[in-house]
Amino acid sequence: MEQIHVTLPDGSVKDVPKGTTPADIARSISPRLADAALVARVAQPNDGEGELIDLRRPLEGDVKLQILTEKDPDALFVFRHSAAHLLAAAVMDLYPNVKLGIG
């Protein structure tokens, strides 16, 4: 199986099979980190900040990876945004005629 290089924030590099997820990598670092993880930030090796991705999204090539927990403002934004979608879905289930707005 093809290996990819995943560079962590401390500069260490993990060689993992292509298709490994950020959740898999978090688990390999620490069960505690895996439990606390909310989202991952990935960037190409020569890129800057990168993008936020789901922890279950397979990694397809060499990347820089950061696992974000509730201590990171970007992770809290994602958590709150997801919670808002769940709340909207629940309201629509309870009140089928409701019209949701943005804002």
Protein backbone atom coordinates (compact mmCIF):
# COMPACT_ATOMS: atom_id res chain seq x y z
CA MET A 1 0.00 0.00 0.00
CA GLU A 2 1.21 3.50 -0.84
CA GLN A 3 2.60 5.48 2.09
CA ILE A 4 2.13 9.21 2.66
CA HIS A 5 4.06 11.61 4.90
CA VAL A 6 2.05 13.47 7.55
CA THR A 7 3.89 16.34 9.22
CA LEU A 8 2.65 17.22 12.70
CA PRO A 9 2.88 20.67 14.36
CA ASP A 10 5.98 19.66 16.36
CA GLY A 11 7.79 18.91 13.09
CA SER A 12 7.69 15.14 13.46
CA VAL A 13 6.66 13.10 10.44
CA LYS A 14 4.45 10.01 10.47
CA ASP A 15 4.52 7.67 7.49
CA VAL A 16 1.04 6.17 7.17
CA PRO A 17 -0.92 4.31 4.48
CA LYS A 18 -2.73 6.48 1.96
CA GLY A 19 -6.36 6.74 3.09
CA THR A 20 -5.52 7.03 6.79
CA THR A 21 -7.83 9.51 8.52
CA PRO A 22 -6.96 12.32 10.94
CA ALA A 23 -8.93 10.34 13.56
CA ASP A 24 -6.60 7.36 13.02
CA ILE A 25 -3.57 9.58 13.50
CA ALA A 26 -5.03 11.21 16.62
CA ARG A 27 -5.63 7.71 18.06
CA SER A 28 -2.05 6.71 17.29
CA ILE A 29 -0.75 9.76 19.17
CA SER A 30 -2.95 9.44 22.24
CA PRO A 31 -6.39 8.05 23.11
CA ARG A 32 -6.99 11.26 25.03
CA LEU A 33 -6.28 13.37 21.94
CA ALA A 34 -8.58 11.15 19.87
CA ASP A 35 -11.40 11.67 22.39
CA ALA A 36 -10.89 15.45 22.48
CA ALA A 37 -10.48 15.93 18.72
CA LEU A 38 -13.21 17.94 16.97
CA VAL A 39 -11.78 18.72 13.54
CA ALA A 40 -8.48 18.63 11.64
CA ARG A 41 -6.58 21.27 9.71
CA VAL A 42 -4.65 20.01 6.69
CA ALA A 43 -2.33 21.86 4.36
CA GLN A 44 -0.12 20.84 1.50
CA PRO A 45 3.54 20.65 2.58
CA ASN A 46 4.40 24.04 1.05
CA ASP A 47 1.09 25.78 1.83
CA GLY A 48 0.20 28.09 4.64
CA GLU A 49 -2.85 27.72 6.83
CA GLY A 50 -4.70 24.95 5.02
CA GLU A 51 -8.34 23.94 5.40
CA LEU A 52 -10.52 22.42 8.10
CA ILE A 53 -11.70 18.88 7.38
CA ASP A 54 -13.74 16.18 9.07
CA LEU A 55 -11.74 13.74 11.20
CA ARG A 56 -13.04 10.83 9.08
CA ARG A 57 -11.89 12.23 5.73
CA PRO A 58 -9.14 10.04 4.23
CA LEU A 59 -5.78 11.67 3.60
CA GLU A 60 -4.75 11.14 -0.01
CA GLY A 61 -1.25 12.63 -0.11
CA ASP A 62 1.55 14.26 1.85
CA VAL A 63 0.12 16.89 4.22
CA LYS A 64 0.76 19.01 7.26
CA LEU A 65 -1.82 17.99 9.88
CA GLN A 66 -3.07 19.63 13.04
CA ILE A 67 -5.70 17.99 15.25
CA LEU A 68 -7.92 20.66 16.81
CA THR A 69 -9.72 20.38 20.15
CA GLU A 70 -12.14 22.65 22.00
CA LYS A 71 -9.16 24.80 23.01
CA ASP A 72 -8.80 26.05 19.42
CA PRO A 73 -11.14 28.85 18.28
CA ASP A 74 -11.49 27.31 14.80
CA ALA A 75 -12.66 24.03 16.30
CA LEU A 76 -15.20 25.82 18.48
CA PHE A 77 -16.56 27.60 15.40
CA VAL A 78 -17.04 24.24 13.64
CA PHE A 79 -18.63 22.73 16.75
CA ARG A 80 -21.07 25.63 17.13
CA HIS A 81 -21.91 25.64 13.42
CA SER A 82 -22.65 21.90 13.52
CA ALA A 83 -24.78 22.34 16.64
CA ALA A 84 -26.80 25.04 14.86
CA HIS A 85 -27.52 22.64 11.99
CA LEU A 86 -28.65 19.93 14.43
CA LEU A 87 -30.90 22.40 16.22
CA ALA A 88 -32.42 23.52 12.90
CA ALA A 89 -33.08 19.90 11.90
CA ALA A 90 -34.75 19.22 15.26
CA VAL A 91 -36.95 22.31 14.96
CA MET A 92 -37.99 21.27 11.44
CA ASP A 93 -38.87 17.77 12.70
CA LEU A 94 -41.01 19.19 15.51
CA TYR A 95 -42.59 21.96 13.43
CA PRO A 96 -42.81 20.87 9.76
CA ASN A 97 -44.27 24.21 8.59
CA VAL A 98 -41.52 26.35 10.13
CA LYS A 99 -39.45 28.53 7.83
CA LEU A 100 -35.85 28.91 8.91
CA GLY A 101 -33.88 32.07 8.22
CA ILE A 102 -30.23 32.97 8.23
CA GLY A 103 -29.02 35.62 10.61
